[in-house]
C-alpha atoms as a PDB file:
ATOM      1  CA  UNK A   1      -5.121 -13.742   7.285  1.00  0.00           C
ATOM      2  CA  UNK A   2      -6.242 -12.442   3.918  1.00  0.00           C
ATOM      3  CA  UNK A   3      -7.023  -8.756   3.515  1.00  0.00           C
ATOM      4  CA  UNK A   4      -9.473  -6.574   1.644  1.00  0.00           C
ATOM      5  CA  UNK A   5      -7.334  -4.403  -0.626  1.00  0.00           C
ATOM      6  CA  UNK A   6      -8.203  -0.948  -1.907  1.00  0.00           C
ATOM      7  CA  UNK A   7      -6.244  -0.514  -5.136  1.00  0.00           C
ATOM      8  CA  UNK A   8      -5.728   3.220  -5.475  1.00  0.00           C
ATOM      9  CA  UNK A   9      -5.625   4.101  -9.169  1.00  0.00           C
ATOM     10  CA  UNK A  10      -4.963   7.807  -8.689  1.00  0.00           C
ATOM     11  CA  UNK A  11      -5.520  10.792  -6.415  1.00  0.00           C
ATOM     12  CA  UNK A  12      -8.135  13.487  -6.179  1.00  0.00           C
ATOM     13  CA  UNK A  13      -7.582  17.188  -6.830  1.00  0.00           C
ATOM     14  CA  UNK A  14      -5.220  18.735  -4.240  1.00  0.00           C
ATOM     15  CA  UNK A  15      -7.821  21.143  -2.815  1.00  0.00           C
ATOM     16  CA  UNK A  16     -10.448  18.392  -2.647  1.00  0.00           C
ATOM     17  CA  UNK A  17      -7.944  16.134  -0.891  1.00  0.00           C
ATOM     18  CA  UNK A  18      -7.127  18.791   1.712  1.00  0.00           C
ATOM     19  CA  UNK A  19     -10.798  19.098   2.604  1.00  0.00           C
ATOM     20  CA  UNK A  20     -12.039  15.535   2.364  1.00  0.00           C
ATOM     21  CA  UNK A  21      -9.112  13.109   2.087  1.00  0.00           C
ATOM     22  CA  UNK A  22      -8.345  10.886  -0.885  1.00  0.00           C
ATOM     23  CA  UNK A  23      -9.918   8.018  -2.812  1.00  0.00           C
ATOM     24  CA  UNK A  24      -8.814   5.317  -0.384  1.00  0.00           C
ATOM     25  CA  UNK A  25     -10.263   7.112   2.651  1.00  0.00           C
ATOM     26  CA  UNK A  26     -13.624   7.584   0.939  1.00  0.00           C
ATOM     27  CA  UNK A  27     -13.639   3.943  -0.165  1.00  0.00           C
ATOM     28  CA  UNK A  28     -12.733   2.570   3.257  1.00  0.00           C
ATOM     29  CA  UNK A  29     -15.482   4.613   4.849  1.00  0.00           C
ATOM     30  CA  UNK A  30     -17.952   3.413   2.206  1.00  0.00           C
ATOM     31  CA  UNK A  31     -17.184  -0.258   2.830  1.00  0.00           C
ATOM     32  CA  UNK A  32     -18.594   0.047   6.325  1.00  0.00           C
ATOM     33  CA  UNK A  33     -17.767  -2.182   9.264  1.00  0.00           C
ATOM     34  CA  UNK A  34     -15.890  -5.338   8.327  1.00  0.00           C
ATOM     35  CA  UNK A  35     -13.920  -7.888  10.304  1.00  0.00           C
ATOM     36  CA  UNK A  36     -11.344  -8.095   7.540  1.00  0.00           C
ATOM     37  CA  UNK A  37      -8.310  -5.844   7.636  1.00  0.00           C
ATOM     38  CA  UNK A  38      -8.424  -3.222   4.881  1.00  0.00           C
ATOM     39  CA  UNK A  39      -5.136  -2.248   3.242  1.00  0.00           C
ATOM     40  CA  UNK A  40      -4.434   0.383   0.561  1.00  0.00           C
ATOM     41  CA  UNK A  41      -2.124  -0.285  -2.390  1.00  0.00           C
ATOM     42  CA  UNK A  42      -1.173   2.773  -4.475  1.00  0.00           C
ATOM     43  CA  UNK A  43      -0.934   1.212  -7.933  1.00  0.00           C
ATOM     44  CA  UNK A  44      -0.443   4.519  -9.736  1.00  0.00           C
ATOM     45  CA  UNK A  45       2.660   5.248  -7.643  1.00  0.00           C
ATOM     46  CA  UNK A  46       4.118   1.804  -8.226  1.00  0.00           C
ATOM     47  CA  UNK A  47       3.224  -0.133  -5.070  1.00  0.00           C
ATOM     48  CA  UNK A  48       3.541  -3.884  -5.730  1.00  0.00           C
ATOM     49  CA  UNK A  49       0.168  -5.530  -6.213  1.00  0.00           C
ATOM     50  CA  UNK A  50      -0.667  -8.121  -3.545  1.00  0.00           C
ATOM     51  CA  UNK A  51      -0.416 -11.817  -4.249  1.00  0.00           C
ATOM     52  CA  UNK A  52      -3.832 -13.254  -5.124  1.00  0.00           C
ATOM     53  CA  UNK A  53      -3.517 -15.705  -2.232  1.00  0.00           C
ATOM     54  CA  UNK A  54      -3.440 -12.837   0.260  1.00  0.00           C
ATOM     55  CA  UNK A  55      -6.528 -11.185  -1.195  1.00  0.00           C
ATOM     56  CA  UNK A  56     -10.012 -11.688   0.275  1.00  0.00           C
ATOM     57  CA  UNK A  57     -11.361  -9.089  -2.139  1.00  0.00           C
ATOM     58  CA  UNK A  58     -10.469  -5.804  -3.778  1.00  0.00           C
ATOM     59  CA  UNK A  59     -11.944  -2.421  -4.607  1.00  0.00           C
ATOM     60  CA  UNK A  60     -10.324  -0.636  -7.560  1.00  0.00           C
ATOM     61  CA  UNK A  61     -10.837   3.106  -7.304  1.00  0.00           C
ATOM     62  CA  UNK A  62     -11.455   5.806  -9.838  1.00  0.00           C
ATOM     63  CA  UNK A  63      -8.654   7.790 -11.452  1.00  0.00           C
ATOM     64  CA  UNK A  64      -7.979  11.004 -13.343  1.00  0.00           C
ATOM     65  CA  UNK A  65      -6.097   8.875 -15.887  1.00  0.00           C
ATOM     66  CA  UNK A  66      -7.747   7.316 -18.925  1.00  0.00           C
ATOM     67  CA  UNK A  67      -7.941   3.555 -19.432  1.00  0.00           C
ATOM     68  CA  UNK A  68      -7.187   3.996 -23.143  1.00  0.00           C
ATOM     69  CA  UNK A  69      -3.767   5.500 -22.303  1.00  0.00           C
ATOM     70  CA  UNK A  70      -2.648   1.979 -21.238  1.00  0.00           C
ATOM     71  CA  UNK A  71      -0.132   3.344 -18.734  1.00  0.00           C
ATOM     72  CA  UNK A  72       2.362   0.759 -17.391  1.00  0.00           C
ATOM     73  CA  UNK A  73       0.836   0.622 -13.909  1.00  0.00           C
ATOM     74  CA  UNK A  74      -2.643   0.262 -15.436  1.00  0.00           C
ATOM     75  CA  UNK A  75      -1.559  -2.531 -17.773  1.00  0.00           C
ATOM     76  CA  UNK A  76      -0.043  -4.380 -14.802  1.00  0.00           C
ATOM     77  CA  UNK A  77      -3.263  -3.874 -12.835  1.00  0.00           C
ATOM     78  CA  UNK A  78      -5.320  -5.193 -15.743  1.00  0.00           C
ATOM     79  CA  UNK A  79      -3.246  -8.400 -15.812  1.00  0.00           C
ATOM     80  CA  UNK A  80      -3.725  -8.769 -12.053  1.00  0.00           C
ATOM     81  CA  UNK A  81      -7.486  -8.385 -12.446  1.00  0.00           C
ATOM     82  CA  UNK A  82      -7.502 -11.225 -14.980  1.00  0.00           C
ATOM     83  CA  UNK A  83      -5.863 -13.488 -12.392  1.00  0.00           C
ATOM     84  CA  UNK A  84      -8.419 -12.545  -9.736  1.00  0.00           C
ATOM     85  CA  UNK A  85     -11.255 -13.271 -12.151  1.00  0.00           C
ATOM     86  CA  UNK A  86      -9.904 -16.762 -12.812  1.00  0.00           C
ATOM     87  CA  UNK A  87      -9.610 -17.381  -9.064  1.00  0.00           C
ATOM     88  CA  UNK A  88     -13.125 -15.986  -8.349  1.00  0.00           C
ATOM     89  CA  UNK A  89     -11.774 -13.412  -5.895  1.00  0.00           C
ATOM     90  CA  UNK A  90     -14.341 -10.645  -5.245  1.00  0.00           C
ATOM     91  CA  UNK A  91     -13.756  -7.413  -7.202  1.00  0.00           C
ATOM     92  CA  UNK A  92     -15.549  -4.071  -7.087  1.00  0.00           C
ATOM     93  CA  UNK A  93     -14.450  -1.553  -9.730  1.00  0.00           C
ATOM     94  CA  UNK A  94     -15.425   2.116  -9.444  1.00  0.00           C
ATOM     95  CA  UNK A  95     -15.399   4.372 -12.546  1.00  0.00           C
ATOM     96  CA  UNK A  96     -11.836   3.782 -13.825  1.00  0.00           C
ATOM     97  CA  UNK A  97     -11.871   0.455 -11.975  1.00  0.00           C
ATOM     98  CA  UNK A  98     -15.200  -0.403 -13.604  1.00  0.00           C
ATOM     99  CA  UNK A  99     -13.775   0.309 -17.050  1.00  0.00           C
ATOM    100  CA  UNK A 100     -10.532  -1.568 -16.402  1.00  0.00           C
ATOM    101  CA  UNK A 101     -12.448  -4.591 -15.106  1.00  0.00           C
ATOM    102  CA  UNK A 102     -14.533  -4.604 -18.298  1.00  0.00           C
ATOM    103  CA  UNK A 103     -11.405  -4.364 -20.448  1.00  0.00           C
ATOM    104  CA  UNK A 104      -9.670  -7.157 -18.516  1.00  0.00           C
ATOM    105  CA  UNK A 105     -12.690  -9.401 -19.112  1.00  0.00           C
ATOM    106  CA  UNK A 106     -12.786  -8.755 -22.859  1.00  0.00           C
ATOM    107  CA  UNK A 107     -14.916  -5.626 -23.100  1.00  0.00           C
ATOM    108  CA  UNK A 108     -14.039  -2.337 -24.785  1.00  0.00           C
ATOM    109  CA  UNK A 109     -13.434   1.150 -23.372  1.00  0.00           C
ATOM    110  CA  UNK A 110     -13.286   4.515 -25.155  1.00  0.00           C
ATOM    111  CA  UNK A 111     -14.340   8.138 -24.813  1.00  0.00           C
ATOM    112  CA  UNK A 112     -18.086   8.564 -24.471  1.00  0.00           C
ATOM    113  CA  UNK A 113     -19.502   9.786 -27.800  1.00  0.00           C
ATOM    114  CA  UNK A 114     -21.653  12.357 -25.993  1.00  0.00           C
ATOM    115  CA  UNK A 115     -18.855  13.775 -23.886  1.00  0.00           C
ATOM    116  CA  UNK A 116     -18.756  14.035 -20.112  1.00  0.00           C
ATOM    117  CA  UNK A 117     -21.362  12.917 -17.596  1.00  0.00           C
ATOM    118  CA  UNK A 118     -21.018  14.798 -14.317  1.00  0.00           C
ATOM    119  CA  UNK A 119     -23.143  15.642 -11.298  1.00  0.00           C
ATOM    120  CA  UNK A 120     -25.947  13.842  -9.507  1.00  0.00           C
ATOM    121  CA  UNK A 121     -27.989  11.851 -12.025  1.00  0.00           C
ATOM    122  CA  UNK A 122     -30.595   9.110 -11.867  1.00  0.00           C
ATOM    123  CA  UNK A 123     -30.005   5.540 -12.976  1.00  0.00           C
ATOM    124  CA  UNK A 124     -32.431   2.662 -13.369  1.00  0.00           C
ATOM    125  CA  UNK A 125     -31.794  -0.978 -12.621  1.00  0.00           C
ATOM    126  CA  UNK A 126     -32.004  -3.640 -15.322  1.00  0.00           C
ATOM    127  CA  UNK A 127     -33.740  -7.037 -14.908  1.00  0.00           C
ATOM    128  CA  UNK A 128     -30.502  -8.762 -13.908  1.00  0.00           C
ATOM    129  CA  UNK A 129     -30.465  -6.893 -10.588  1.00  0.00           C
ATOM    130  CA  UNK A 130     -33.259  -8.982  -9.076  1.00  0.00           C
ATOM    131  CA  UNK A 131     -30.987 -11.847  -8.032  1.00  0.00           C
ATOM    132  CA  UNK A 132     -27.782  -9.849  -7.624  1.00  0.00           C
ATOM    133  CA  UNK A 133     -26.151  -9.917  -4.145  1.00  0.00           C
ATOM    134  CA  UNK A 134     -25.362  -6.174  -4.196  1.00  0.00           C
ATOM    135  CA  UNK A 135     -28.358  -4.741  -6.039  1.00  0.00           C
ATOM    136  CA  UNK A 136     -31.362  -6.962  -5.305  1.00  0.00           C
ATOM    137  CA  UNK A 137     -32.510  -4.979  -2.232  1.00  0.00           C
ATOM    138  CA  UNK A 138     -32.134  -1.571  -3.897  1.00  0.00           C
ATOM    139  CA  UNK A 139     -34.833   0.690  -5.326  1.00  0.00           C
ATOM    140  CA  UNK A 140     -35.421   0.249  -9.085  1.00  0.00           C
ATOM    141  CA  UNK A 141     -34.268   3.839  -9.736  1.00  0.00           C
ATOM    142  CA  UNK A 142     -32.059   6.102  -7.626  1.00  0.00           C
ATOM    143  CA  UNK A 143     -29.603   9.040  -7.829  1.00  0.00           C
ATOM    144  CA  UNK A 144     -25.846   8.544  -8.151  1.00  0.00           C
ATOM    145  CA  UNK A 145     -22.795  10.803  -8.333  1.00  0.00           C
ATOM    146  CA  UNK A 146     -20.830  10.714 -11.602  1.00  0.00           C
ATOM    147  CA  UNK A 147     -17.832  12.303 -13.269  1.00  0.00           C
ATOM    148  CA  UNK A 148     -16.453  10.489 -16.297  1.00  0.00           C
ATOM    149  CA  UNK A 149     -15.451  11.100 -19.905  1.00  0.00           C
ATOM    150  CA  UNK A 150     -14.731   7.489 -20.842  1.00  0.00           C
ATOM    151  CA  UNK A 151     -17.152   4.588 -20.854  1.00  0.00           C
ATOM    152  CA  UNK A 152     -17.444   0.867 -21.394  1.00  0.00           C
ATOM    153  CA  UNK A 153     -18.481   0.925 -25.042  1.00  0.00           C
ATOM    154  CA  UNK A 154     -18.909  -2.871 -25.135  1.00  0.00           C
ATOM    155  CA  UNK A 155     -19.528  -5.122 -22.161  1.00  0.00           C
ATOM    156  CA  UNK A 156     -17.650  -8.420 -21.838  1.00  0.00           C
ATOM    157  CA  UNK A 157     -19.691 -11.260 -23.322  1.00  0.00           C
ATOM    158  CA  UNK A 158     -20.118 -12.856 -19.909  1.00  0.00           C
ATOM    159  CA  UNK A 159     -21.325  -9.677 -18.187  1.00  0.00           C
ATOM    160  CA  UNK A 160     -24.788  -9.169 -16.728  1.00  0.00           C
ATOM    161  CA  UNK A 161     -26.004  -5.581 -17.144  1.00  0.00           C
ATOM    162  CA  UNK A 162     -27.319  -4.199 -13.850  1.00  0.00           C
ATOM    163  CA  UNK A 163     -27.935  -0.468 -14.351  1.00  0.00           C
ATOM    164  CA  UNK A 164     -28.195   2.208 -17.036  1.00  0.00           C
ATOM    165  CA  UNK A 165     -29.593   5.645 -17.830  1.00  0.00           C
ATOM    166  CA  UNK A 166     -30.273   7.633 -20.983  1.00  0.00           C
ATOM    167  CA  UNK A 167     -26.682   8.896 -21.136  1.00  0.00           C
ATOM    168  CA  UNK A 168     -24.708   5.865 -19.953  1.00  0.00           C
ATOM    169  CA  UNK A 169     -25.848   2.409 -21.125  1.00  0.00           C
ATOM    170  CA  UNK A 170     -23.472   0.487 -18.827  1.00  0.00           C
ATOM    171  CA  UNK A 171     -23.662   2.068 -15.374  1.00  0.00           C
ATOM    172  CA  UNK A 172     -23.207  -1.249 -13.576  1.00  0.00           C
ATOM    173  CA  UNK A 173     -22.484  -4.852 -14.484  1.00  0.00           C
ATOM    174  CA  UNK A 174     -21.484  -8.152 -12.918  1.00  0.00           C
ATOM    175  CA  UNK A 175     -19.132 -10.853 -14.162  1.00  0.00           C
ATOM    176  CA  UNK A 176     -19.731 -14.299 -12.694  1.00  0.00           C
ATOM    177  CA  UNK A 177     -20.945 -14.067  -9.111  1.00  0.00           C
ATOM    178  CA  UNK A 178     -18.076 -12.115  -7.502  1.00  0.00           C
ATOM    179  CA  UNK A 179     -16.994  -9.225  -9.754  1.00  0.00           C
ATOM    180  CA  UNK A 180     -18.835  -5.916 -10.163  1.00  0.00           C
ATOM    181  CA  UNK A 181     -18.210  -2.667 -11.979  1.00  0.00           C
ATOM    182  CA  UNK A 182     -20.027   0.613 -11.332  1.00  0.00           C
ATOM    183  CA  UNK A 183     -19.484   3.697 -13.484  1.00  0.00           C
ATOM    184  CA  UNK A 184     -20.929   5.903 -10.734  1.00  0.00           C
ATOM    185  CA  UNK A 185     -19.224   6.842  -7.456  1.00  0.00           C
ATOM    186  CA  UNK A 186     -20.859   5.229  -4.404  1.00  0.00           C
ATOM    187  CA  UNK A 187     -17.987   6.550  -2.247  1.00  0.00           C
ATOM    188  CA  UNK A 188     -18.769  10.228  -2.947  1.00  0.00           C
ATOM    189  CA  UNK A 189     -20.558  12.493  -0.508  1.00  0.00           C
ATOM    190  CA  UNK A 190     -22.498  15.540  -1.714  1.00  0.00           C
ATOM    191  CA  UNK A 191     -19.572  17.728  -0.634  1.00  0.00           C
ATOM    192  CA  UNK A 192     -17.125  15.693  -2.715  1.00  0.00           C
ATOM    193  CA  UNK A 193     -19.434  15.824  -5.740  1.00  0.00           C
ATOM    194  CA  UNK A 194     -19.753  19.580  -5.437  1.00  0.00           C
ATOM    195  CA  UNK A 195     -15.990  19.916  -5.098  1.00  0.00           C
ATOM    196  CA  UNK A 196     -15.483  17.912  -8.304  1.00  0.00           C
ATOM    197  CA  UNK A 197     -17.848  20.207 -10.168  1.00  0.00           C
ATOM    198  CA  UNK A 198     -16.094  23.341  -8.890  1.00  0.00           C
ATOM    199  CA  UNK A 199     -12.661  21.944  -9.727  1.00  0.00           C
ATOM    200  CA  UNK A 200     -13.716  21.474 -13.355  1.00  0.00           C
ATOM    201  CA  UNK A 201     -15.629  24.711 -13.965  1.00  0.00           C
ATOM    202  CA  UNK A 202     -13.348  26.005 -16.767  1.00  0.00           C
ATOM    203  CA  UNK A 203     -13.422  22.793 -18.811  1.00  0.00           C
ATOM    204  CA  UNK A 204     -17.133  22.255 -18.185  1.00  0.00           C
ATOM    205  CA  UNK A 205     -17.976  25.825 -19.158  1.00  0.00           C
ATOM    206  CA  UNK A 206     -15.972  25.493 -22.368  1.00  0.00           C
ATOM    207  CA  UNK A 207     -18.048  22.399 -23.169  1.00  0.00           C
ATOM    208  CA  UNK A 208     -21.247  24.366 -22.674  1.00  0.00           C
ATOM    209  CA  UNK A 209     -22.175  22.680 -19.371  1.00  0.00           C
ATOM    210  CA  UNK A 210     -24.040  24.796 -16.813  1.00  0.00           C
ATOM    211  CA  UNK A 211     -22.121  24.306 -13.567  1.00  0.00           C
ATOM    212  CA  UNK A 212     -24.618  26.340 -11.522  1.00  0.00           C
ATOM    213  CA  UNK A 213     -27.295  23.847 -12.553  1.00  0.00           C
ATOM    214  CA  UNK A 214     -25.034  20.926 -11.618  1.00  0.00           C
ATOM    215  CA  UNK A 215     -24.298  22.396  -8.184  1.00  0.00           C
ATOM    216  CA  UNK A 216     -27.976  23.081  -7.557  1.00  0.00           C
ATOM    217  CA  UNK A 217     -28.783  19.485  -8.499  1.00  0.00           C
ATOM    218  CA  UNK A 218     -26.227  17.827  -6.226  1.00  0.00           C
ATOM    219  CA  UNK A 219     -28.026  15.714  -3.637  1.00  0.00           C
ATOM    220  CA  UNK A 220     -27.401  12.747  -1.304  1.00  0.00           C
ATOM    221  CA  UNK A 221     -27.094   9.264  -2.846  1.00  0.00           C
ATOM    222  CA  UNK A 222     -27.640   6.811   0.030  1.00  0.00           C
ATOM    223  CA  UNK A 223     -28.898   3.989  -2.201  1.00  0.00           C
ATOM    224  CA  UNK A 224     -25.818   4.176  -4.435  1.00  0.00           C
ATOM    225  CA  UNK A 225     -23.652   4.081  -1.313  1.00  0.00           C
ATOM    226  CA  UNK A 226     -25.261   0.758  -0.362  1.00  0.00           C
ATOM    227  CA  UNK A 227     -23.605  -0.989  -3.330  1.00  0.00           C
ATOM    228  CA  UNK A 228     -20.134  -0.478  -1.836  1.00  0.00           C
ATOM    229  CA  UNK A 229     -21.309  -1.296   1.669  1.00  0.00           C
ATOM    230  CA  UNK A 230     -22.990  -4.464   0.359  1.00  0.00           C
ATOM    231  CA  UNK A 231     -19.742  -5.484  -1.341  1.00  0.00           C
ATOM    232  CA  UNK A 232     -17.902  -5.187   1.966  1.00  0.00           C
ATOM    233  CA  UNK A 233     -20.549  -7.393   3.584  1.00  0.00           C
ATOM    234  CA  UNK A 234     -20.265  -9.992   0.789  1.00  0.00           C
ATOM    235  CA  UNK A 235     -16.480 -10.205   1.177  1.00  0.00           C
ATOM    236  CA  UNK A 236     -16.848 -10.475   4.953  1.00  0.00           C
ATOM    237  CA  UNK A 237     -19.405 -13.288   4.571  1.00  0.00           C
ATOM    238  CA  UNK A 238     -17.341 -15.235   2.038  1.00  0.00           C
ATOM    239  CA  UNK A 239     -14.295 -15.012   4.275  1.00  0.00           C
ATOM    240  CA  UNK A 240     -16.216 -16.335   7.278  1.00  0.00           C
ATOM    241  CA  UNK A 241     -17.574 -19.220   5.184  1.00  0.00           C
ATOM    242  CA  UNK A 242     -14.092 -20.088   4.001  1.00  0.00           C
ATOM    243  CA  UNK A 243     -12.782 -20.073   7.566  1.00  0.00           C
ATOM    244  CA  UNK A 244     -15.472 -22.603   8.515  1.00  0.00           C
ATOM    245  CA  UNK A 245     -14.539 -24.785   5.534  1.00  0.00           C
ATOM    246  CA  UNK A 246     -10.863 -24.613   6.505  1.00  0.00           C
ATOM    247  CA  UNK A 247     -11.679 -25.763  10.030  1.00  0.00           C
ATOM    248  CA  UNK A 248     -13.692 -28.687   8.668  1.00  0.00           C
ATOM    249  CA  UNK A 249     -10.670 -29.689   6.610  1.00  0.00           C
ATOM    250  CA  UNK A 250      -8.450 -29.501   9.692  1.00  0.00           C
ATOM    251  CA  UNK A 251      -6.504 -26.443   8.571  1.00  0.00           C
ATOM    252  CA  UNK A 252      -5.661 -23.511  10.854  1.00  0.00           C
ATOM    253  CA  UNK A 253      -8.437 -20.927  10.709  1.00  0.00           C
ATOM    254  CA  UNK A 254      -6.061 -18.050  10.022  1.00  0.00           C
ATOM    255  CA  UNK A 255      -4.496 -19.650   6.966  1.00  0.00           C
ATOM    256  CA  UNK A 256      -6.868 -18.346   4.353  1.00  0.00           C
END
């Protein structure tokens, strides 16, 4: 049977990892209950990417790397994303994954002209959210956790903008009906967000950012978390539908 793959594009800070686990654990927890087996592939460490035929869907995590560095593992992942897009396999890109998805689809990525966005911030949904499978049931404005220095400077031509704020014009987008990118982190808890702020105090302070204010402003983001959970539900639903179609065609149900 096909699997839901978490493509791990990096690892968290060592101290954060000791306390809370790593990107793949947060992502798996955020996907919620699903009947599909979830498997982690560590792309940064050179794990072979799965064949598209074995993939029911994929979540591409964040990373401490930069998309513009075009590292070999990232370039290979970008090519793989292009294949999945052509095959209409569900994709959910988080932060780095969001940026790499945009680049794979013809968009542009670079450092944000205003520097780093970090902490718990509010975003607002754009008109395209009203018929979107992941966003249509969400509140029009809600808090999200963020930590990023790069941004999608230009969306792919085919993209539908789903969310923005005054700092980040492309907080979420969709390509077609099965590929999403979110610049925010729906997999973060408040504790993880606070840990990320503390880990970066020296660099943030040198940039004139008040870390005490950021820590005081950290708060739960349950609505943002729903985007990842909704993606898991969409993949689960599509897989069940395909099983039914396979049975109608007389094919074994587990050959998907």
